C-alpha atoms as a PDB file:
ATOM      1  CA  MET A   1      79.909 114.422  97.704  1.00  0.00           C
ATOM      2  CA  SER A   2      80.992 117.435  99.709  1.00  0.00           C
ATOM      3  CA  GLN A   3      78.281 119.123  96.971  1.00  0.00           C
ATOM      4  CA  THR A   4      75.803 117.120  98.508  1.00  0.00           C
ATOM      5  CA  LEU A   5      75.291 118.862 101.840  1.00  0.00           C
ATOM      6  CA  LEU A   6      74.403 121.854 100.309  1.00  0.00           C
ATOM      7  CA  TYR A   7      71.323 120.744  99.352  1.00  0.00           C
ATOM      8  CA  PRO A   8      69.465 118.487 101.874  1.00  0.00           C
ATOM      9  CA  GLU A   9      66.419 118.346  99.805  1.00  0.00           C
ATOM     10  CA  VAL A  10      68.317 115.366  98.109  1.00  0.00           C
ATOM     11  CA  PHE A  11      67.833 112.897 100.921  1.00  0.00           C
ATOM     12  CA  THR A  12      64.156 113.552 101.058  1.00  0.00           C
ATOM     13  CA  PHE A  13      63.192 110.091 100.044  1.00  0.00           C
ATOM     14  CA  LEU A  14      66.064 108.229 100.664  1.00  0.00           C
ATOM     15  CA  PRO A  15      66.663 106.254 103.994  1.00  0.00           C
ATOM     16  CA  PHE A  16      69.806 107.846 104.996  1.00  0.00           C
ATOM     17  CA  GLY A  17      70.856 111.722 105.120  1.00  0.00           C
ATOM     18  CA  PRO A  18      70.586 114.094 105.518  1.00  0.00           C
ATOM     19  CA  PHE A  19      74.307 114.911 107.309  1.00  0.00           C
ATOM     20  CA  ALA A  20      75.485 117.115 109.075  1.00  0.00           C
ATOM     21  CA  GLY A  21      79.188 117.350 107.931  1.00  0.00           C
ATOM     22  CA  ILE A  22      82.487 115.581 105.532  1.00  0.00           C
ATOM     23  CA  GLU A  23      82.495 113.593 108.140  1.00  0.00           C
ATOM     24  CA  ASP A  24      79.236 112.825 109.164  1.00  0.00           C
ATOM     25  CA  PHE A  25      78.643 111.825 105.407  1.00  0.00           C
ATOM     26  CA  MET A  26      81.965 109.959 105.222  1.00  0.00           C
ATOM     27  CA  THR A  27      81.478 108.192 108.496  1.00  0.00           C
ATOM     28  CA  ASN A  28      77.839 107.100 108.468  1.00  0.00           C
ATOM     29  CA  PHE A  29      77.682 107.070 104.414  1.00  0.00           C
ATOM     30  CA  ILE A  30      80.605 105.862 102.915  1.00  0.00           C
ATOM     31  CA  GLN A  31      82.383 104.174 105.294  1.00  0.00           C
ATOM     32  CA  ALA A  32      79.461 102.377 106.866  1.00  0.00           C
ATOM     33  CA  TYR A  33      78.227 100.592 103.572  1.00  0.00           C
ATOM     34  CA  PHE A  34      80.597 101.512 100.569  1.00  0.00           C
ATOM     35  CA  GLU A  35      84.111 100.663 102.209  1.00  0.00           C
ATOM     36  CA  LYS A  36      82.838  98.077 104.662  1.00  0.00           C
ATOM     37  CA  ASP A  37      80.894  95.968 101.885  1.00  0.00           C
ATOM     38  CA  PRO A  38      82.658  94.696  98.691  1.00  0.00           C
ATOM     39  CA  GLY A  39      79.311  94.379  97.390  1.00  0.00           C
ATOM     40  CA  PHE A  40      78.935  98.079  97.711  1.00  0.00           C
ATOM     41  CA  ILE A  41      80.914 100.533  94.756  1.00  0.00           C
ATOM     42  CA  LEU A  42      79.881 104.197  94.323  1.00  0.00           C
ATOM     43  CA  PHE A  43      80.445 106.592  91.264  1.00  0.00           C
ATOM     44  CA  THR A  44      80.904 109.733  90.861  1.00  0.00           C
ATOM     45  CA  ILE A  45      78.889 111.236  87.717  1.00  0.00           C
ATOM     46  CA  PHE A  46      80.145 113.990  85.929  1.00  0.00           C
ATOM     47  CA  ASP A  47      78.042 116.152  83.156  1.00  0.00           C
ATOM     48  CA  LYS A  48      80.697 116.801  80.650  1.00  0.00           C
ATOM     49  CA  THR A  49      78.457 119.836  78.575  1.00  0.00           C
ATOM     50  CA  ARG A  50      79.734 121.625  81.651  1.00  0.00           C
ATOM     51  CA  PRO A  51      83.225 123.156  82.734  1.00  0.00           C
ATOM     52  CA  ALA A  52      85.059 121.158  85.109  1.00  0.00           C
ATOM     53  CA  PRO A  53      85.604 122.304  88.659  1.00  0.00           C
ATOM     54  CA  ALA A  54      89.509 121.138  87.762  1.00  0.00           C
ATOM     55  CA  GLU A  55      91.532 120.084  84.801  1.00  0.00           C
ATOM     56  CA  GLU A  56      91.713 116.594  86.695  1.00  0.00           C
ATOM     57  CA  HIS A  57      87.340 115.913  86.250  1.00  0.00           C
ATOM     58  CA  PRO A  58      86.151 115.517  82.864  1.00  0.00           C
ATOM     59  CA  GLY A  59      83.194 117.888  83.231  1.00  0.00           C
ATOM     60  CA  ALA A  60      80.855 119.297  86.149  1.00  0.00           C
ATOM     61  CA  ILE A  61      80.319 116.912  89.423  1.00  0.00           C
ATOM     62  CA  ALA A  62      76.056 116.250  88.965  1.00  0.00           C
ATOM     63  CA  GLY A  63      75.733 113.575  91.695  1.00  0.00           C
ATOM     64  CA  ILE A  64      76.606 110.040  92.831  1.00  0.00           C
ATOM     65  CA  ILE A  65      75.347 106.076  92.295  1.00  0.00           C
ATOM     66  CA  GLY A  66      76.387 102.920  93.058  1.00  0.00           C
ATOM     67  CA  LEU A  67      75.933  99.922  92.814  1.00  0.00           C
ATOM     68  CA  VAL A  68      74.858  98.105  95.939  1.00  0.00           C
ATOM     69  CA  ASN A  69      73.924  94.366  97.517  1.00  0.00           C
ATOM     70  CA  SER A  70      76.027  92.910  94.743  1.00  0.00           C
ATOM     71  CA  SER A  71      76.626  89.140  94.119  1.00  0.00           C
ATOM     72  CA  ALA A  72      79.270  87.692  92.041  1.00  0.00           C
ATOM     73  CA  GLN A  73      77.959  84.052  92.885  1.00  0.00           C
ATOM     74  CA  ASN A  74      74.220  85.010  91.704  1.00  0.00           C
ATOM     75  CA  LEU A  75      75.109  87.314  89.291  1.00  0.00           C
ATOM     76  CA  HIS A  76      73.199  90.300  90.536  1.00  0.00           C
ATOM     77  CA  THR A  77      73.282  93.663  91.887  1.00  0.00           C
ATOM     78  CA  GLU A  78      71.124  97.042  92.685  1.00  0.00           C
ATOM     79  CA  ILE A  79      71.236 100.533  91.117  1.00  0.00           C
ATOM     80  CA  GLY A  80      70.994 102.652  94.614  1.00  0.00           C
ATOM     81  CA  GLY A  81      72.394 105.923  96.471  1.00  0.00           C
ATOM     82  CA  VAL A  82      71.387 108.016  93.284  1.00  0.00           C
ATOM     83  CA  ILE A  83      71.877 111.634  94.262  1.00  0.00           C
ATOM     84  CA  ILE A  84      71.627 113.944  91.213  1.00  0.00           C
ATOM     85  CA  LEU A  85      72.423 117.271  92.559  1.00  0.00           C
ATOM     86  CA  PRO A  86      69.457 119.893  91.865  1.00  0.00           C
ATOM     87  CA  PRO A  87      71.303 121.448  88.952  1.00  0.00           C
ATOM     88  CA  PHE A  88      71.488 118.858  86.876  1.00  0.00           C
ATOM     89  CA  GLN A  89      68.041 117.560  88.204  1.00  0.00           C
ATOM     90  CA  ARG A  90      65.454 117.734  84.727  1.00  0.00           C
ATOM     91  CA  THR A  91      67.726 116.987  82.367  1.00  0.00           C
ATOM     92  CA  HIS A  92      69.995 114.377  80.429  1.00  0.00           C
ATOM     93  CA  VAL A  93      72.381 113.329  83.243  1.00  0.00           C
ATOM     94  CA  ALA A  94      70.002 110.666  85.498  1.00  0.00           C
ATOM     95  CA  SER A  95      68.922 109.098  82.597  1.00  0.00           C
ATOM     96  CA  SER A  96      72.760 109.092  80.956  1.00  0.00           C
ATOM     97  CA  ALA A  97      73.908 107.862  83.928  1.00  0.00           C
ATOM     98  CA  VAL A  98      71.974 104.957  84.805  1.00  0.00           C
ATOM     99  CA  GLY A  99      71.838 103.887  80.925  1.00  0.00           C
ATOM    100  CA  LEU A 100      75.618 103.746  81.266  1.00  0.00           C
ATOM    101  CA  LEU A 101      75.736 101.589  84.535  1.00  0.00           C
ATOM    102  CA  LEU A 102      73.011  99.376  83.005  1.00  0.00           C
ATOM    103  CA  HIS A 103      75.807  98.450  79.455  1.00  0.00           C
ATOM    104  CA  TYR A 104      78.831  98.405  82.477  1.00  0.00           C
ATOM    105  CA  CYS A 105      76.180  95.513  84.599  1.00  0.00           C
ATOM    106  CA  LEU A 106      74.623  93.987  82.165  1.00  0.00           C
ATOM    107  CA  ASP A 107      77.046  93.671  78.727  1.00  0.00           C
ATOM    108  CA  LEU A 108      79.508  90.323  78.481  1.00  0.00           C
ATOM    109  CA  PRO A 109      82.491  91.507  79.222  1.00  0.00           C
ATOM    110  CA  ASN A 110      83.487  90.394  75.938  1.00  0.00           C
ATOM    111  CA  SER A 111      80.445  92.491  74.328  1.00  0.00           C
ATOM    112  CA  SER A 112      82.243  93.613  71.285  1.00  0.00           C
ATOM    113  CA  SER A 113      79.667  97.080  70.907  1.00  0.00           C
ATOM    114  CA  PRO A 114      80.921  99.096  74.090  1.00  0.00           C
ATOM    115  CA  PRO A 115      78.502 101.965  75.550  1.00  0.00           C
ATOM    116  CA  VAL A 116      77.181 105.268  73.313  1.00  0.00           C
ATOM    117  CA  ASP A 117      80.197 108.072  74.346  1.00  0.00           C
ATOM    118  CA  GLY A 118      77.532 110.310  76.048  1.00  0.00           C
ATOM    119  CA  PRO A 119      78.328 113.785  77.859  1.00  0.00           C
ATOM    120  CA  VAL A 120      77.657 111.970  81.267  1.00  0.00           C
ATOM    121  CA  THR A 121      80.680 109.877  81.872  1.00  0.00           C
ATOM    122  CA  ILE A 122      80.990 107.087  84.634  1.00  0.00           C
ATOM    123  CA  GLU A 123      84.621 105.141  85.021  1.00  0.00           C
ATOM    124  CA  GLY A 124      84.835 101.693  85.597  1.00  0.00           C
ATOM    125  CA  GLY A 125      86.327  98.780  84.132  1.00  0.00           C
ATOM    126  CA  ALA A 126      85.606  96.498  81.304  1.00  0.00           C
ATOM    127  CA  PRO A 127      81.234  95.303  81.531  1.00  0.00           C
ATOM    128  CA  LEU A 128      80.533  92.465  84.363  1.00  0.00           C
ATOM    129  CA  GLY A 129      78.055  90.377  82.704  1.00  0.00           C
ATOM    130  CA  LEU A 130      75.305  90.416  85.284  1.00  0.00           C
ATOM    131  CA  ARG A 131      71.777  88.515  84.255  1.00  0.00           C
ATOM    132  CA  ARG A 132      69.761  90.805  86.818  1.00  0.00           C
ATOM    133  CA  VAL A 133      69.942  94.696  87.903  1.00  0.00           C
ATOM    134  CA  CYS A 134      67.398  95.569  91.001  1.00  0.00           C
ATOM    135  CA  TRP A 135      65.977  99.229  91.210  1.00  0.00           C
ATOM    136  CA  GLN A 136      64.113  99.609  94.756  1.00  0.00           C
ATOM    137  CA  ALA A 137      62.314 102.714  95.931  1.00  0.00           C
ATOM    138  CA  ASN A 138      60.149 104.752  97.860  1.00  0.00           C
ATOM    139  CA  ALA A 139      56.680 103.986  96.617  1.00  0.00           C
ATOM    140  CA  ARG A 140      56.270 107.296  97.155  1.00  0.00           C
ATOM    141  CA  ASN A 141      59.163 108.334  95.146  1.00  0.00           C
ATOM    142  CA  LYS A 142      57.781 108.643  92.112  1.00  0.00           C
ATOM    143  CA  ALA A 143      60.266 110.600  89.985  1.00  0.00           C
ATOM    144  CA  SER A 144      62.445 107.387  90.897  1.00  0.00           C
ATOM    145  CA  ILE A 145      60.411 104.763  90.033  1.00  0.00           C
ATOM    146  CA  GLY A 146      59.674 106.774  86.685  1.00  0.00           C
ATOM    147  CA  LEU A 147      63.515 106.855  85.839  1.00  0.00           C
ATOM    148  CA  ALA A 148      63.724 103.449  86.419  1.00  0.00           C
ATOM    149  CA  GLU A 149      60.376 102.565  84.019  1.00  0.00           C
ATOM    150  CA  ARG A 150      61.760 105.224  81.504  1.00  0.00           C
ATOM    151  CA  MET A 151      64.981 102.902  81.515  1.00  0.00           C
ATOM    152  CA  GLY A 152      63.940  99.334  80.870  1.00  0.00           C
ATOM    153  CA  PHE A 153      63.239  98.519  84.410  1.00  0.00           C
ATOM    154  CA  LYS A 154      60.019  96.798  85.167  1.00  0.00           C
ATOM    155  CA  MET A 155      58.069  96.641  88.254  1.00  0.00           C
ATOM    156  CA  GLU A 156      57.764  93.342  90.071  1.00  0.00           C
ATOM    157  CA  ALA A 157      56.718  94.526  93.776  1.00  0.00           C
ATOM    158  CA  ILE A 158      55.060  96.425  96.056  1.00  0.00           C
ATOM    159  CA  LEU A 159      56.582  95.161  99.469  1.00  0.00           C
ATOM    160  CA  ARG A 160      54.387  96.395 101.913  1.00  0.00           C
ATOM    161  CA  TRP A 161      55.702  98.203 105.693  1.00  0.00           C
ATOM    162  CA  ASP A 162      59.279  97.248 104.201  1.00  0.00           C
ATOM    163  CA  ARG A 163      61.739  99.619 105.535  1.00  0.00           C
ATOM    164  CA  VAL A 164      61.348 101.626 108.939  1.00  0.00           C
ATOM    165  CA  LEU A 165      62.882 104.953 108.650  1.00  0.00           C
ATOM    166  CA  SER A 166      64.000 107.958 111.083  1.00  0.00           C
ATOM    167  CA  PRO A 167      61.529 110.174 112.505  1.00  0.00           C
ATOM    168  CA  GLY A 168      61.063 113.074 109.471  1.00  0.00           C
ATOM    169  CA  LYS A 169      61.435 110.825 106.648  1.00  0.00           C
ATOM    170  CA  GLN A 170      58.857 110.914 104.127  1.00  0.00           C
ATOM    171  CA  GLY A 171      56.606 107.247 104.901  1.00  0.00           C
ATOM    172  CA  ASN A 172      53.759 105.973 104.025  1.00  0.00           C
ATOM    173  CA  ALA A 173      50.747 108.557 104.793  1.00  0.00           C
ATOM    174  CA  CYS A 174      49.144 106.312 107.629  1.00  0.00           C
ATOM    175  CA  ALA A 175      48.962 107.004 111.211  1.00  0.00           C
ATOM    176  CA  LEU A 176      50.739 103.641 112.811  1.00  0.00           C
ATOM    177  CA  ARG A 177      49.071 101.698 115.048  1.00  0.00           C
ATOM    178  CA  GLU A 178      49.263 102.384 118.977  1.00  0.00           C
ATOM    179  CA  GLY A 179      52.041 100.846 120.601  1.00  0.00           C
ATOM    180  CA  ASP A 180      54.005 100.665 118.030  1.00  0.00           C
ATOM    181  CA  PRO A 181      58.018  99.198 119.445  1.00  0.00           C
ATOM    182  CA  ARG A 182      59.211 102.323 117.097  1.00  0.00           C
ATOM    183  CA  GLU A 183      56.649 104.930 117.969  1.00  0.00           C
ATOM    184  CA  GLY A 184      57.595 108.750 115.839  1.00  0.00           C
ATOM    185  CA  CYS A 185      59.519 106.196 112.814  1.00  0.00           C
ATOM    186  CA  PRO A 186      57.566 106.060 110.101  1.00  0.00           C
ATOM    187  CA  GLY A 187      57.149 102.937 107.835  1.00  0.00           C
ATOM    188  CA  ARG A 188      57.649 103.183 103.882  1.00  0.00           C
ATOM    189  CA  ASP A 189      56.224 100.868 100.860  1.00  0.00           C
ATOM    190  CA  THR A 190      59.140  99.778  98.554  1.00  0.00           C
ATOM    191  CA  ALA A 191      58.796  99.667  94.644  1.00  0.00           C
ATOM    192  CA  LEU A 192      60.652  96.995  93.864  1.00  0.00           C
ATOM    193  CA  LEU A 193      61.769  96.857  89.788  1.00  0.00           C
ATOM    194  CA  SER A 194      64.012  94.955  88.084  1.00  0.00           C
ATOM    195  CA  LEU A 195      65.787  94.781  84.471  1.00  0.00           C
ATOM    196  CA  CYS A 196      67.069  91.425  83.550  1.00  0.00           C
ATOM    197  CA  TRP A 197      69.845  90.336  80.985  1.00  0.00           C
ATOM    198  CA  ASP A 198      67.253  89.132  78.454  1.00  0.00           C
ATOM    199  CA  ASP A 199      64.945  92.585  79.161  1.00  0.00           C
ATOM    200  CA  TRP A 200      68.651  94.045  77.918  1.00  0.00           C
ATOM    201  CA  GLU A 201      68.669  92.670  74.638  1.00  0.00           C
ATOM    202  CA  GLN A 202      65.398  94.344  73.807  1.00  0.00           C
ATOM    203  CA  GLU A 203      66.132  97.585  75.812  1.00  0.00           C
ATOM    204  CA  ARG A 204      69.899  98.272  74.689  1.00  0.00           C
ATOM    205  CA  THR A 205      69.342 100.342  71.349  1.00  0.00           C
ATOM    206  CA  LYS A 206      66.697 102.638  73.508  1.00  0.00           C
ATOM    207  CA  VAL A 207      68.544 103.177  75.835  1.00  0.00           C
ATOM    208  CA  ASP A 208      71.963 104.062  73.758  1.00  0.00           C
ATOM    209  CA  VAL A 209      69.143 106.577  71.579  1.00  0.00           C
ATOM    210  CA  ILE A 210      68.611 107.781  75.437  1.00  0.00           C
ATOM    211  CA  ILE A 211      71.944 108.656  76.574  1.00  0.00           C
ATOM    212  CA  ARG A 212      73.004 110.788  73.203  1.00  0.00           C
ATOM    213  CA  ARG A 213      70.233 113.232  75.044  1.00  0.00           C
ATOM    214  CA  VAL A 214      72.413 116.477  76.414  1.00  0.00           C
ATOM    215  CA  LYS A 215      69.446 118.629  77.630  1.00  0.00           C
END
């Protein structure tokens, strides 16, 4: 996780970061979100095609990915907190990580067909059998939206002026009106996509092909 501090550009379209150091990262990201809410969980992504930095790791640390805003009652979650380190961008890593996480979320707990063992590892437990997985992205982040659509997510809506961002973040490319109460903080349109259990029945095979890609 500390490797994200070396690449502040990975936070360009994210509503959080960059962070001043590991303590800031732990306090304002890990503790503020993932340790306080049982509906949040964070995974480390390992690329098994590259050497591991330590014996206990199955491969090189390539990034992080999480499940957020999860509801056991409503059987839904959202893939969020996705950070792929620059040396692993435009490779198999992002799509493989998302694909494995989709298996974890949408396969039934008693599924007889486990996910394909691909070049990326995300350690989890038995599949969750959820009905809906969401994906939200800055509407200007074409790479994030494109990744989601390649993995079978369907665009549901553009939520206009959905969030107020911190100064310096990439927001909507238009000026705010005079007198705005948070002048200096850009606004963001949010692209909302989803992949539901009935979509997954059709998309699983395609996702498995993507997971097998190693370049």
